[in-house]
Amino acid sequence: MENIELPELANSLLLTKGLNEVELRLKIYNAVLNLLLNNTAYLYQVLYRIDVKEEKVKESFLDSPLVEVAAERITTLIVNRQIEKIQWRAKYSQSE
């Protein structure tokens, strides 16, 4: 899996309404897990660009030594942040 996939997957939440959310979430999870195992520095760069709060990412590693649990939590953070962006854009595009 190429590193470029995670930003594209996260952005597809913003752009695509017809994509199956479960499938997209699974793809994001797999990309996050891959990066946690192979390229953590790049994962942190992507999370910064997506604007996921660093404190929340750190909390993802608490209470469980399993990388899969952290990957699931980080996936949730990514999805939730992208949903926030969608809601924010919808709110402010209506006021124009």
PDB file of N, CA and C in Angstrom:
ATOM      1  N   MET A   1       0.846  -1.182   0.000  1.00  0.00           N
ATOM      2  CA  MET A   1       0.000   0.000   0.000  1.00  0.00           C
ATOM      3  C   MET A   1       0.887   1.238   0.000  1.00  0.00           C
ATOM      4  N   GLU A   2       0.650   2.139  -0.907  1.00  0.00           N
ATOM      5  CA  GLU A   2       1.446   3.351  -0.994  1.00  0.00           C
ATOM      6  C   GLU A   2       0.993   4.351   0.056  1.00  0.00           C
ATOM      7  N   ASN A   3       1.929   5.158   0.538  1.00  0.00           N
ATOM      8  CA  ASN A   3       1.631   6.136   1.574  1.00  0.00           C
ATOM      9  C   ASN A   3       0.624   7.185   1.139  1.00  0.00           C
ATOM     10  N   ILE A   4       0.568   7.459  -0.146  1.00  0.00           N
ATOM     11  CA  ILE A   4      -0.310   8.509  -0.632  1.00  0.00           C
ATOM     12  C   ILE A   4      -1.786   8.156  -0.467  1.00  0.00           C
ATOM     13  N   GLU A   5      -2.100   6.903  -0.220  1.00  0.00           N
ATOM     14  CA  GLU A   5      -3.483   6.482  -0.134  1.00  0.00           C
ATOM     15  C   GLU A   5      -4.240   7.112   1.016  1.00  0.00           C
ATOM     16  N   LEU A   6      -3.645   7.270   2.184  1.00  0.00           N
ATOM     17  CA  LEU A   6      -4.378   7.769   3.334  1.00  0.00           C
ATOM     18  C   LEU A   6      -4.933   9.173   3.107  1.00  0.00           C
ATOM     19  N   PRO A   7      -4.151  10.134   2.643  1.00  0.00           N
ATOM     20  CA  PRO A   7      -4.740  11.456   2.395  1.00  0.00           C
ATOM     21  C   PRO A   7      -5.866  11.404   1.366  1.00  0.00           C
ATOM     22  N   GLU A   8      -5.699  10.608   0.337  1.00  0.00           N
ATOM     23  CA  GLU A   8      -6.741  10.492  -0.677  1.00  0.00           C
ATOM     24  C   GLU A   8      -8.003   9.876  -0.093  1.00  0.00           C
ATOM     25  N   LEU A   9      -7.851   8.867   0.731  1.00  0.00           N
ATOM     26  CA  LEU A   9      -9.006   8.232   1.364  1.00  0.00           C
ATOM     27  C   LEU A   9      -9.723   9.212   2.290  1.00  0.00           C
ATOM     28  N   ALA A  10      -8.961   9.936   3.093  1.00  0.00           N
ATOM     29  CA  ALA A  10      -9.569  10.907   4.008  1.00  0.00           C
ATOM     30  C   ALA A  10     -10.296  11.999   3.240  1.00  0.00           C
ATOM     31  N   ASN A  11      -9.680  12.470   2.167  1.00  0.00           N
ATOM     32  CA  ASN A  11     -10.327  13.513   1.366  1.00  0.00           C
ATOM     33  C   ASN A  11     -11.549  12.998   0.631  1.00  0.00           C
ATOM     34  N   SER A  12     -11.588  11.708   0.341  1.00  0.00           N
ATOM     35  CA  SER A  12     -12.755  11.174  -0.352  1.00  0.00           C
ATOM     36  C   SER A  12     -13.994  11.261   0.530  1.00  0.00           C
ATOM     37  N   LEU A  13     -13.813  11.325   1.850  1.00  0.00           N
ATOM     38  CA  LEU A  13     -14.951  11.564   2.735  1.00  0.00           C
ATOM     39  C   LEU A  13     -15.574  12.927   2.458  1.00  0.00           C
ATOM     40  N   LEU A  14     -14.744  13.889   2.098  1.00  0.00           N
ATOM     41  CA  LEU A  14     -15.223  15.237   1.824  1.00  0.00           C
ATOM     42  C   LEU A  14     -15.870  15.354   0.448  1.00  0.00           C
ATOM     43  N   LEU A  15     -15.438  14.519  -0.480  1.00  0.00           N
ATOM     44  CA  LEU A  15     -15.825  14.701  -1.873  1.00  0.00           C
ATOM     45  C   LEU A  15     -16.897  13.743  -2.371  1.00  0.00           C
ATOM     46  N   THR A  16     -16.980  12.566  -1.790  1.00  0.00           N
ATOM     47  CA  THR A  16     -17.815  11.516  -2.354  1.00  0.00           C
ATOM     48  C   THR A  16     -18.961  11.186  -1.424  1.00  0.00           C
ATOM     49  N   LYS A  17     -20.171  11.326  -1.927  1.00  0.00           N
ATOM     50  CA  LYS A  17     -21.334  10.990  -1.121  1.00  0.00           C
ATOM     51  C   LYS A  17     -21.806   9.568  -1.392  1.00  0.00           C
ATOM     52  N   GLY A  18     -21.492   9.022  -2.546  1.00  0.00           N
ATOM     53  CA  GLY A  18     -21.995   7.724  -2.917  1.00  0.00           C
ATOM     54  C   GLY A  18     -21.143   6.553  -2.444  1.00  0.00           C
ATOM     55  N   LEU A  19     -19.984   6.835  -1.891  1.00  0.00           N
ATOM     56  CA  LEU A  19     -19.091   5.762  -1.469  1.00  0.00           C
ATOM     57  C   LEU A  19     -19.606   5.132  -0.180  1.00  0.00           C
ATOM     58  N   ASN A  20     -19.535   3.838  -0.103  1.00  0.00           N
ATOM     59  CA  ASN A  20     -19.957   3.099   1.074  1.00  0.00           C
ATOM     60  C   ASN A  20     -19.060   3.472   2.250  1.00  0.00           C
ATOM     61  N   GLU A  21     -19.654   4.017   3.308  1.00  0.00           N
ATOM     62  CA  GLU A  21     -18.867   4.490   4.446  1.00  0.00           C
ATOM     63  C   GLU A  21     -18.125   3.353   5.151  1.00  0.00           C
ATOM     64  N   VAL A  22     -18.723   2.188   5.215  1.00  0.00           N
ATOM     65  CA  VAL A  22     -18.073   1.054   5.867  1.00  0.00           C
ATOM     66  C   VAL A  22     -16.819   0.647   5.091  1.00  0.00           C
ATOM     67  N   GLU A  23     -16.924   0.570   3.774  1.00  0.00           N
ATOM     68  CA  GLU A  23     -15.769   0.220   2.951  1.00  0.00           C
ATOM     69  C   GLU A  23     -14.677   1.276   3.062  1.00  0.00           C
ATOM     70  N   LEU A  24     -15.087   2.534   3.026  1.00  0.00           N
ATOM     71  CA  LEU A  24     -14.123   3.622   3.127  1.00  0.00           C
ATOM     72  C   LEU A  24     -13.431   3.596   4.489  1.00  0.00           C
ATOM     73  N   ARG A  25     -14.189   3.384   5.532  1.00  0.00           N
ATOM     74  CA  ARG A  25     -13.615   3.311   6.884  1.00  0.00           C
ATOM     75  C   ARG A  25     -12.613   2.157   6.982  1.00  0.00           C
ATOM     76  N   LEU A  26     -12.930   1.023   6.385  1.00  0.00           N
ATOM     77  CA  LEU A  26     -12.016  -0.121   6.396  1.00  0.00           C
ATOM     78  C   LEU A  26     -10.736   0.206   5.636  1.00  0.00           C
ATOM     79  N   LYS A  27     -10.856   0.882   4.505  1.00  0.00           N
ATOM     80  CA  LYS A  27      -9.662   1.267   3.744  1.00  0.00           C
ATOM     81  C   LYS A  27      -8.800   2.244   4.539  1.00  0.00           C
ATOM     82  N   ILE A  28      -9.437   3.200   5.212  1.00  0.00           N
ATOM     83  CA  ILE A  28      -8.683   4.146   6.032  1.00  0.00           C
ATOM     84  C   ILE A  28      -7.990   3.405   7.167  1.00  0.00           C
ATOM     85  N   TYR A  29      -8.712   2.496   7.814  1.00  0.00           N
ATOM     86  CA  TYR A  29      -8.128   1.697   8.896  1.00  0.00           C
ATOM     87  C   TYR A  29      -6.892   0.938   8.413  1.00  0.00           C
ATOM     88  N   ASN A  30      -7.010   0.281   7.267  1.00  0.00           N
ATOM     89  CA  ASN A  30      -5.873  -0.488   6.735  1.00  0.00           C
ATOM     90  C   ASN A  30      -4.687   0.417   6.427  1.00  0.00           C
ATOM     91  N   ALA A  31      -4.959   1.608   5.890  1.00  0.00           N
ATOM     92  CA  ALA A  31      -3.876   2.550   5.598  1.00  0.00           C
ATOM     93  C   ALA A  31      -3.226   3.032   6.891  1.00  0.00           C
ATOM     94  N   VAL A  32      -4.038   3.346   7.903  1.00  0.00           N
ATOM     95  CA  VAL A  32      -3.501   3.794   9.193  1.00  0.00           C
ATOM     96  C   VAL A  32      -2.671   2.681   9.831  1.00  0.00           C
ATOM     97  N   LEU A  33      -3.193   1.477   9.842  1.00  0.00           N
ATOM     98  CA  LEU A  33      -2.463   0.347  10.427  1.00  0.00           C
ATOM     99  C   LEU A  33      -1.125   0.133   9.717  1.00  0.00           C
ATOM    100  N   ASN A  34      -1.147   0.176   8.400  1.00  0.00           N
ATOM    101  CA  ASN A  34       0.082   0.025   7.623  1.00  0.00           C
ATOM    102  C   ASN A  34       1.102   1.103   7.994  1.00  0.00           C
ATOM    103  N   LEU A  35       0.641   2.336   8.117  1.00  0.00           N
ATOM    104  CA  LEU A  35       1.560   3.420   8.452  1.00  0.00           C
ATOM    105  C   LEU A  35       2.047   3.318   9.895  1.00  0.00           C
ATOM    106  N   LEU A  36       1.194   2.880  10.797  1.00  0.00           N
ATOM    107  CA  LEU A  36       1.637   2.682  12.182  1.00  0.00           C
ATOM    108  C   LEU A  36       2.756   1.649  12.250  1.00  0.00           C
ATOM    109  N   LEU A  37       2.660   0.637  11.429  1.00  0.00           N
ATOM    110  CA  LEU A  37       3.658  -0.432  11.434  1.00  0.00           C
ATOM    111  C   LEU A  37       4.912  -0.088  10.642  1.00  0.00           C
ATOM    112  N   ASN A  38       4.772   0.759   9.619  1.00  0.00           N
ATOM    113  CA  ASN A  38       5.879   0.947   8.677  1.00  0.00           C
ATOM    114  C   ASN A  38       6.402   2.374   8.509  1.00  0.00           C
ATOM    115  N   ASN A  39       5.585   3.375   8.826  1.00  0.00           N
ATOM    116  CA  ASN A  39       6.014   4.745   8.561  1.00  0.00           C
ATOM    117  C   ASN A  39       5.233   5.721   9.447  1.00  0.00           C
ATOM    118  N   THR A  40       5.510   5.662  10.728  1.00  0.00           N
ATOM    119  CA  THR A  40       4.785   6.484  11.694  1.00  0.00           C
ATOM    120  C   THR A  40       4.982   7.974  11.437  1.00  0.00           C
ATOM    121  N   ALA A  41       6.162   8.359  11.025  1.00  0.00           N
ATOM    122  CA  ALA A  41       6.437   9.778  10.765  1.00  0.00           C
ATOM    123  C   ALA A  41       5.507  10.315   9.684  1.00  0.00           C
ATOM    124  N   TYR A  42       5.313   9.545   8.632  1.00  0.00           N
ATOM    125  CA  TYR A  42       4.407   9.978   7.565  1.00  0.00           C
ATOM    126  C   TYR A  42       2.968  10.033   8.071  1.00  0.00           C
ATOM    127  N   LEU A  43       2.576   9.078   8.898  1.00  0.00           N
ATOM    128  CA  LEU A  43       1.224   9.089   9.464  1.00  0.00           C
ATOM    129  C   LEU A  43       0.994  10.385  10.226  1.00  0.00           C
ATOM    130  N   TYR A  44       1.955  10.792  11.039  1.00  0.00           N
ATOM    131  CA  TYR A  44       1.803  12.040  11.791  1.00  0.00           C
ATOM    132  C   TYR A  44       1.723  13.247  10.862  1.00  0.00           C
ATOM    133  N   GLN A  45       2.443  13.231   9.764  1.00  0.00           N
ATOM    134  CA  GLN A  45       2.347  14.322   8.787  1.00  0.00           C
ATOM    135  C   GLN A  45       0.935  14.405   8.206  1.00  0.00           C
ATOM    136  N   VAL A  46       0.389  13.250   7.854  1.00  0.00           N
ATOM    137  CA  VAL A  46      -0.962  13.210   7.291  1.00  0.00           C
ATOM    138  C   VAL A  46      -1.980  13.696   8.312  1.00  0.00           C
ATOM    139  N   LEU A  47      -1.855  13.235   9.541  1.00  0.00           N
ATOM    140  CA  LEU A  47      -2.800  13.649  10.588  1.00  0.00           C
ATOM    141  C   LEU A  47      -2.725  15.154  10.824  1.00  0.00           C
ATOM    142  N   TYR A  48      -1.534  15.709  10.735  1.00  0.00           N
ATOM    143  CA  TYR A  48      -1.370  17.156  10.866  1.00  0.00           C
ATOM    144  C   TYR A  48      -2.081  17.885   9.731  1.00  0.00           C
ATOM    145  N   ARG A  49      -1.910  17.392   8.515  1.00  0.00           N
ATOM    146  CA  ARG A  49      -2.557  18.027   7.355  1.00  0.00           C
ATOM    147  C   ARG A  49      -4.070  17.915   7.419  1.00  0.00           C
ATOM    148  N   ILE A  50      -4.561  16.794   7.915  1.00  0.00           N
ATOM    149  CA  ILE A  50      -6.005  16.603   8.045  1.00  0.00           C
ATOM    150  C   ILE A  50      -6.541  17.444   9.199  1.00  0.00           C
ATOM    151  N   ASP A  51      -5.657  17.850  10.094  1.00  0.00           N
ATOM    152  CA  ASP A  51      -5.989  18.675  11.252  1.00  0.00           C
ATOM    153  C   ASP A  51      -6.629  17.874  12.374  1.00  0.00           C
ATOM    154  N   VAL A  52      -6.087  16.685  12.619  1.00  0.00           N
ATOM    155  CA  VAL A  52      -6.492  15.880  13.767  1.00  0.00           C
ATOM    156  C   VAL A  52      -5.640  16.346  14.943  1.00  0.00           C
ATOM    157  N   LYS A  53      -6.274  16.623  16.058  1.00  0.00           N
ATOM    158  CA  LYS A  53      -5.575  17.149  17.229  1.00  0.00           C
ATOM    159  C   LYS A  53      -4.561  16.139  17.779  1.00  0.00           C
ATOM    160  N   GLU A  54      -3.361  16.630  18.038  1.00  0.00           N
ATOM    161  CA  GLU A  54      -2.270  15.783  18.516  1.00  0.00           C
ATOM    162  C   GLU A  54      -2.621  15.100  19.845  1.00  0.00           C
ATOM    163  N   GLU A  55      -3.317  15.835  20.730  1.00  0.00           N
ATOM    164  CA  GLU A  55      -3.690  15.252  22.024  1.00  0.00           C
ATOM    165  C   GLU A  55      -4.597  14.043  21.839  1.00  0.00           C
ATOM    166  N   LYS A  56      -5.506  14.130  20.883  1.00  0.00           N
ATOM    167  CA  LYS A  56      -6.420  13.023  20.632  1.00  0.00           C
ATOM    168  C   LYS A  56      -5.672  11.817  20.048  1.00  0.00           C
ATOM    169  N   VAL A  57      -4.684  12.087  19.223  1.00  0.00           N
ATOM    170  CA  VAL A  57      -3.885  10.994  18.667  1.00  0.00           C
ATOM    171  C   VAL A  57      -3.130  10.293  19.790  1.00  0.00           C
ATOM    172  N   LYS A  58      -2.539  11.063  20.699  1.00  0.00           N
ATOM    173  CA  LYS A  58      -1.818  10.473  21.821  1.00  0.00           C
ATOM    174  C   LYS A  58      -2.749   9.625  22.681  1.00  0.00           C
ATOM    175  N   GLU A  59      -3.970  10.088  22.874  1.00  0.00           N
ATOM    176  CA  GLU A  59      -4.951   9.332  23.657  1.00  0.00           C
ATOM    177  C   GLU A  59      -5.296   7.996  22.997  1.00  0.00           C
ATOM    178  N   SER A  60      -5.134   7.907  21.693  1.00  0.00           N
ATOM    179  CA  SER A  60      -5.439   6.677  20.964  1.00  0.00           C
ATOM    180  C   SER A  60      -4.559   5.516  21.391  1.00  0.00           C
ATOM    181  N   PHE A  61      -3.408   5.838  21.943  1.00  0.00           N
ATOM    182  CA  PHE A  61      -2.467   4.797  22.342  1.00  0.00           C
ATOM    183  C   PHE A  61      -2.619   4.396  23.810  1.00  0.00           C
ATOM    184  N   LEU A  62      -3.473   5.094  24.536  1.00  0.00           N
ATOM    185  CA  LEU A  62      -3.657   4.791  25.953  1.00  0.00           C
ATOM    186  C   LEU A  62      -4.519   3.545  26.124  1.00  0.00           C
ATOM    187  N   ASP A  63      -4.335   2.867  27.225  1.00  0.00           N
ATOM    188  CA  ASP A  63      -5.191   1.748  27.643  1.00  0.00           C
ATOM    189  C   ASP A  63      -5.050   0.474  26.827  1.00  0.00           C
ATOM    190  N   SER A  64      -4.256   0.460  25.783  1.00  0.00           N
ATOM    191  CA  SER A  64      -4.124  -0.770  25.006  1.00  0.00           C
ATOM    192  C   SER A  64      -2.768  -0.818  24.314  1.00  0.00           C
ATOM    193  N   PRO A  65      -2.075  -1.931  24.464  1.00  0.00           N
ATOM    194  CA  PRO A  65      -0.787  -2.068  23.782  1.00  0.00           C
ATOM    195  C   PRO A  65      -0.938  -2.508  22.316  1.00  0.00           C
ATOM    196  N   LEU A  66      -2.149  -2.779  21.884  1.00  0.00           N
ATOM    197  CA  LEU A  66      -2.357  -3.304  20.535  1.00  0.00           C
ATOM    198  C   LEU A  66      -2.376  -2.195  19.493  1.00  0.00           C
ATOM    199  N   VAL A  67      -1.575  -2.361  18.481  1.00  0.00           N
ATOM    200  CA  VAL A  67      -1.512  -1.377  17.398  1.00  0.00           C
ATOM    201  C   VAL A  67      -2.842  -1.333  16.644  1.00  0.00           C
ATOM    202  N   GLU A  68      -3.537  -2.450  16.595  1.00  0.00           N
ATOM    203  CA  GLU A  68      -4.835  -2.486  15.899  1.00  0.00           C
ATOM    204  C   GLU A  68      -5.865  -1.602  16.593  1.00  0.00           C
ATOM    205  N   VAL A  69      -5.815  -1.556  17.914  1.00  0.00           N
ATOM    206  CA  VAL A  69      -6.741  -0.697  18.666  1.00  0.00           C
ATOM    207  C   VAL A  69      -6.421   0.773  18.381  1.00  0.00           C
ATOM    208  N   ALA A  70      -5.155   1.117  18.393  1.00  0.00           N
ATOM    209  CA  ALA A  70      -4.746   2.491  18.085  1.00  0.00           C
ATOM    210  C   ALA A  70      -5.157   2.857  16.662  1.00  0.00           C
ATOM    211  N   ALA A  71      -4.993   1.938  15.731  1.00  0.00           N
ATOM    212  CA  ALA A  71      -5.375   2.207  14.340  1.00  0.00           C
ATOM    213  C   ALA A  71      -6.869   2.460  14.229  1.00  0.00           C
ATOM    214  N   GLU A  72      -7.669   1.697  14.948  1.00  0.00           N
ATOM    215  CA  GLU A  72      -9.122   1.902  14.928  1.00  0.00           C
ATOM    216  C   GLU A  72      -9.488   3.256  15.516  1.00  0.00           C
ATOM    217  N   ARG A  73      -8.850   3.620  16.608  1.00  0.00           N
ATOM    218  CA  ARG A  73      -9.127   4.918  17.238  1.00  0.00           C
ATOM    219  C   ARG A  73      -8.706   6.073  16.339  1.00  0.00           C
ATOM    220  N   ILE A  74      -7.559   5.955  15.700  1.00  0.00           N
ATOM    221  CA  ILE A  74      -7.087   7.011  14.796  1.00  0.00           C
ATOM    222  C   ILE A  74      -7.998   7.106  13.582  1.00  0.00           C
ATOM    223  N   THR A  75      -8.468   5.978  13.098  1.00  0.00           N
ATOM    224  CA  THR A  75      -9.427   5.981  11.985  1.00  0.00           C
ATOM    225  C   THR A  75     -10.671   6.759  12.376  1.00  0.00           C
ATOM    226  N   THR A  76     -11.165   6.531  13.574  1.00  0.00           N
ATOM    227  CA  THR A  76     -12.342   7.258  14.058  1.00  0.00           C
ATOM    228  C   THR A  76     -12.063   8.753  14.135  1.00  0.00           C
ATOM    229  N   LEU A  77     -10.868   9.125  14.595  1.00  0.00           N
ATOM    230  CA  LEU A  77     -10.504  10.542  14.651  1.00  0.00           C
ATOM    231  C   LEU A  77     -10.499  11.162  13.254  1.00  0.00           C
ATOM    232  N   ILE A  78      -9.953  10.457  12.281  1.00  0.00           N
ATOM    233  CA  ILE A  78      -9.913  10.963  10.907  1.00  0.00           C
ATOM    234  C   ILE A  78     -11.325  11.140  10.363  1.00  0.00           C
ATOM    235  N   VAL A  79     -12.148  10.114  10.525  1.00  0.00           N
ATOM    236  CA  VAL A  79     -13.523  10.175  10.008  1.00  0.00           C
ATOM    237  C   VAL A  79     -14.284  11.309  10.685  1.00  0.00           C
ATOM    238  N   ASN A  80     -14.182  11.414  11.997  1.00  0.00           N
ATOM    239  CA  ASN A  80     -14.896  12.466  12.716  1.00  0.00           C
ATOM    240  C   ASN A  80     -14.432  13.857  12.304  1.00  0.00           C
ATOM    241  N   ARG A  81     -13.126  14.028  12.100  1.00  0.00           N
ATOM    242  CA  ARG A  81     -12.611  15.341  11.687  1.00  0.00           C
ATOM    243  C   ARG A  81     -13.108  15.709  10.300  1.00  0.00           C
ATOM    244  N   GLN A  82     -13.146  14.746   9.406  1.00  0.00           N
ATOM    245  CA  GLN A  82     -13.624  15.029   8.060  1.00  0.00           C
ATOM    246  C   GLN A  82     -15.120  15.348   8.076  1.00  0.00           C
ATOM    247  N   ILE A  83     -15.880  14.667   8.925  1.00  0.00           N
ATOM    248  CA  ILE A  83     -17.310  14.964   9.056  1.00  0.00           C
ATOM    249  C   ILE A  83     -17.505  16.379   9.600  1.00  0.00           C
ATOM    250  N   GLU A  84     -16.678  16.781  10.568  1.00  0.00           N
ATOM    251  CA  GLU A  84     -16.727  18.152  11.080  1.00  0.00           C
ATOM    252  C   GLU A  84     -16.498  19.160   9.957  1.00  0.00           C
ATOM    253  N   LYS A  85     -15.536  18.872   9.092  1.00  0.00           N
ATOM    254  CA  LYS A  85     -15.259  19.774   7.967  1.00  0.00           C
ATOM    255  C   LYS A  85     -16.450  19.859   7.031  1.00  0.00           C
ATOM    256  N   ILE A  86     -17.088  18.724   6.758  1.00  0.00           N
ATOM    257  CA  ILE A  86     -18.262  18.705   5.889  1.00  0.00           C
ATOM    258  C   ILE A  86     -19.363  19.562   6.494  1.00  0.00           C
ATOM    259  N   GLN A  87     -19.614  19.390   7.787  1.00  0.00           N
ATOM    260  CA  GLN A  87     -20.668  20.152   8.459  1.00  0.00           C
ATOM    261  C   GLN A  87     -20.351  21.638   8.471  1.00  0.00           C
ATOM    262  N   TRP A  88     -19.100  21.975   8.732  1.00  0.00           N
ATOM    263  CA  TRP A  88     -18.685  23.367   8.762  1.00  0.00           C
ATOM    264  C   TRP A  88     -18.871  24.010   7.391  1.00  0.00           C
ATOM    265  N   ARG A  89     -18.447  23.309   6.344  1.00  0.00           N
ATOM    266  CA  ARG A  89     -18.581  23.846   4.987  1.00  0.00           C
ATOM    267  C   ARG A  89     -20.040  24.003   4.595  1.00  0.00           C
ATOM    268  N   ALA A  90     -20.864  23.046   4.973  1.00  0.00           N
ATOM    269  CA  ALA A  90     -22.291  23.133   4.656  1.00  0.00           C
ATOM    270  C   ALA A  90     -22.927  24.315   5.373  1.00  0.00           C
ATOM    271  N   LYS A  91     -22.569  24.522   6.607  1.00  0.00           N
ATOM    272  CA  LYS A  91     -23.122  25.618   7.399  1.00  0.00           C
ATOM    273  C   LYS A  91     -22.764  26.967   6.788  1.00  0.00           C
ATOM    274  N   TYR A  92     -21.501  27.128   6.431  1.00  0.00           N
ATOM    275  CA  TYR A  92     -21.059  28.422   5.946  1.00  0.00           C
ATOM    276  C   TYR A  92     -21.300  28.626   4.456  1.00  0.00           C
ATOM    277  N   SER A  93     -21.515  27.578   3.716  1.00  0.00           N
ATOM    278  CA  SER A  93     -21.852  27.768   2.294  1.00  0.00           C
ATOM    279  C   SER A  93     -23.312  28.185   2.145  1.00  0.00           C
ATOM    280  N   GLN A  94     -24.163  27.833   3.079  1.00  0.00           N
ATOM    281  CA  GLN A  94     -25.571  28.220   3.034  1.00  0.00           C
ATOM    282  C   GLN A  94     -25.751  29.681   3.363  1.00  0.00           C
ATOM    283  N   SER A  95     -24.846  30.245   4.153  1.00  0.00           N
ATOM    284  CA  SER A  95     -24.984  31.643   4.574  1.00  0.00           C
ATOM    285  C   SER A  95     -24.525  32.626   3.511  1.00  0.00           C
ATOM    286  N   GLU A  96     -23.958  32.135   2.426  1.00  0.00           N
ATOM    287  CA  GLU A  96     -23.465  33.036   1.373  1.00  0.00           C
ATOM    288  C   GLU A  96     -24.556  33.465   0.437  1.00  0.00           C
TER     289      GLU A  96
END
